[in-house]
Amino acid sequence: MTGKISRSGFFLVISLALPVPLIAQEYPPDLSRGKAIYERHCLSCHGADGHGDGPNAVLLTIPPANFHRPGSFLKSDESLLRMIEHGGVYSPMHAWRGRLTDGEMQDVLAYIRILSQDGR
């Protein structure tokens, strides 16, 4: 922190900035666009309902995330966005940076959050 004495003798304190989200969103997520992106790019591995049982899941040596399991739905938005953006280490999860915009990644994350809430 930095302090500076003002004319009144009080200290003006400038606080340290809080961490910024990985990808800043300037508008509310678009769930319909998120669903369309999910269906086009994610459904084949993660399945229609997000249980990790898509048609391509049987071809993978590491199973895709099941968004209904605590290991997935308890992750922070930043953690999930990082996975969407950069993919997974030793995982068949693709990196989507450069293929999806920041807003599209936010939209698909919002849709995944809806999927993870369904059925509980």
Protein backbone atom coordinates (compact mmCIF):
# COMPACT_ATOMS: atom_id res chain seq x y z
CA MET A 1 0.00 0.00 0.00
CA THR A 2 1.06 3.55 -0.64
CA GLY A 3 0.30 6.44 1.68
CA LYS A 4 0.43 10.18 1.12
CA ILE A 5 -0.19 12.92 3.67
CA SER A 6 -2.94 15.29 2.65
CA ARG A 7 -3.42 18.88 3.87
CA SER A 8 -5.72 17.65 6.64
CA GLY A 9 -3.01 15.33 7.97
CA PHE A 10 -4.87 12.13 7.11
CA PHE A 11 -3.34 9.41 5.05
CA LEU A 12 -4.73 8.71 1.63
CA VAL A 13 -4.46 4.99 1.15
CA ILE A 14 -4.45 3.37 -2.24
CA SER A 15 -5.31 -0.30 -1.87
CA LEU A 16 -3.86 -3.06 -3.95
CA ALA A 17 -6.04 -4.04 -6.85
CA LEU A 18 -8.02 -7.25 -6.49
CA PRO A 19 -7.32 -9.97 -9.04
CA VAL A 20 -9.22 -9.45 -12.27
CA PRO A 21 -11.19 -12.35 -13.80
CA LEU A 22 -9.29 -14.33 -16.41
CA ILE A 23 -11.58 -13.11 -19.17
CA ALA A 24 -13.52 -9.90 -18.61
CA GLN A 25 -17.12 -9.92 -19.80
CA GLU A 26 -18.58 -6.58 -20.86
CA TYR A 27 -22.12 -7.89 -21.29
CA PRO A 28 -24.31 -10.56 -19.64
CA PRO A 29 -23.72 -14.09 -20.93
CA ASP A 30 -25.88 -15.15 -23.88
CA LEU A 31 -27.20 -18.60 -22.91
CA SER A 32 -28.66 -19.34 -26.35
CA ARG A 33 -25.29 -18.63 -27.97
CA GLY A 34 -23.57 -20.66 -25.22
CA LYS A 35 -25.89 -23.61 -25.92
CA ALA A 36 -25.20 -23.40 -29.66
CA ILE A 37 -21.42 -23.32 -29.08
CA TYR A 38 -21.69 -26.22 -26.61
CA GLU A 39 -23.71 -28.28 -29.09
CA ARG A 40 -21.27 -27.53 -31.92
CA HIS A 41 -17.98 -28.03 -30.05
CA CYS A 42 -18.50 -29.75 -26.67
CA LEU A 43 -21.43 -32.15 -26.88
CA SER A 44 -19.51 -34.85 -28.78
CA CYS A 45 -17.33 -35.48 -25.71
CA HIS A 46 -19.22 -34.04 -22.73
CA GLY A 47 -22.68 -35.25 -23.83
CA ALA A 48 -26.00 -33.49 -24.32
CA ASP A 49 -26.60 -33.16 -20.57
CA GLY A 50 -22.97 -32.63 -19.54
CA HIS A 51 -22.43 -36.08 -17.99
CA GLY A 52 -19.22 -36.75 -19.97
CA ASP A 53 -20.99 -39.40 -22.06
CA GLY A 54 -20.92 -37.92 -25.55
CA PRO A 55 -20.51 -40.18 -28.58
CA ASN A 56 -16.74 -39.51 -28.77
CA ALA A 57 -16.16 -40.11 -25.05
CA VAL A 58 -15.57 -43.85 -25.58
CA LEU A 59 -12.68 -43.02 -27.92
CA LEU A 60 -10.79 -41.03 -25.26
CA THR A 61 -8.26 -42.56 -22.87
CA ILE A 62 -9.07 -39.87 -20.29
CA PRO A 63 -12.82 -39.42 -19.83
CA PRO A 64 -14.28 -35.96 -20.43
CA ALA A 65 -15.45 -33.92 -17.45
CA ASN A 66 -18.86 -34.74 -16.03
CA PHE A 67 -20.21 -31.29 -15.14
CA HIS A 68 -22.55 -32.84 -12.55
CA ARG A 69 -19.71 -34.15 -10.36
CA PRO A 70 -18.38 -31.98 -7.52
CA GLY A 71 -14.91 -31.93 -9.10
CA SER A 72 -16.38 -29.92 -11.96
CA PHE A 73 -19.29 -27.89 -10.64
CA LEU A 74 -17.36 -26.70 -7.57
CA LYS A 75 -14.54 -25.23 -9.68
CA SER A 76 -14.44 -21.46 -9.93
CA ASP A 77 -15.44 -19.71 -13.13
CA GLU A 78 -11.82 -18.63 -13.56
CA SER A 79 -10.62 -22.23 -13.31
CA LEU A 80 -13.17 -23.46 -15.85
CA LEU A 81 -12.42 -20.57 -18.19
CA ARG A 82 -8.73 -21.36 -17.97
CA MET A 83 -9.50 -24.96 -18.99
CA ILE A 84 -11.68 -23.81 -21.89
CA GLU A 85 -9.08 -21.27 -22.97
CA HIS A 86 -5.92 -23.39 -22.66
CA GLY A 87 -7.15 -27.00 -22.62
CA GLY A 88 -5.98 -29.64 -20.18
CA VAL A 89 -2.50 -30.95 -19.54
CA TYR A 90 -2.34 -34.68 -20.40
CA SER A 91 -5.98 -34.43 -21.42
CA PRO A 92 -7.81 -34.58 -24.73
CA MET A 93 -9.50 -31.26 -23.83
CA HIS A 94 -8.75 -28.80 -26.64
CA ALA A 95 -7.56 -25.24 -26.15
CA TRP A 96 -10.21 -22.88 -27.52
CA ARG A 97 -8.17 -19.63 -27.38
CA GLY A 98 -8.07 -18.30 -30.93
CA ARG A 99 -11.04 -20.46 -31.98
CA LEU A 100 -13.63 -18.84 -29.70
CA THR A 101 -13.81 -15.22 -28.62
CA ASP A 102 -13.66 -14.23 -24.96
CA GLY A 103 -17.40 -13.60 -25.04
CA GLU A 104 -18.11 -17.00 -26.60
CA MET A 105 -16.06 -18.71 -23.87
CA GLN A 106 -18.05 -16.81 -21.24
CA ASP A 107 -21.30 -17.82 -22.93
CA VAL A 108 -20.42 -21.52 -23.04
CA LEU A 109 -19.30 -21.36 -19.40
CA ALA A 110 -22.69 -19.89 -18.44
CA TYR A 111 -24.42 -22.70 -20.34
CA ILE A 112 -22.23 -25.34 -18.62
CA ARG A 113 -23.26 -23.84 -15.26
CA ILE A 114 -26.92 -24.30 -16.25
CA LEU A 115 -26.25 -27.91 -17.29
CA SER A 116 -24.49 -28.65 -14.00
CA GLN A 117 -27.51 -27.40 -12.04
CA ASP A 118 -30.04 -29.51 -13.97
CA GLY A 119 -30.97 -32.82 -12.42
CA ARG A 120 -29.86 -31.98 -8.88
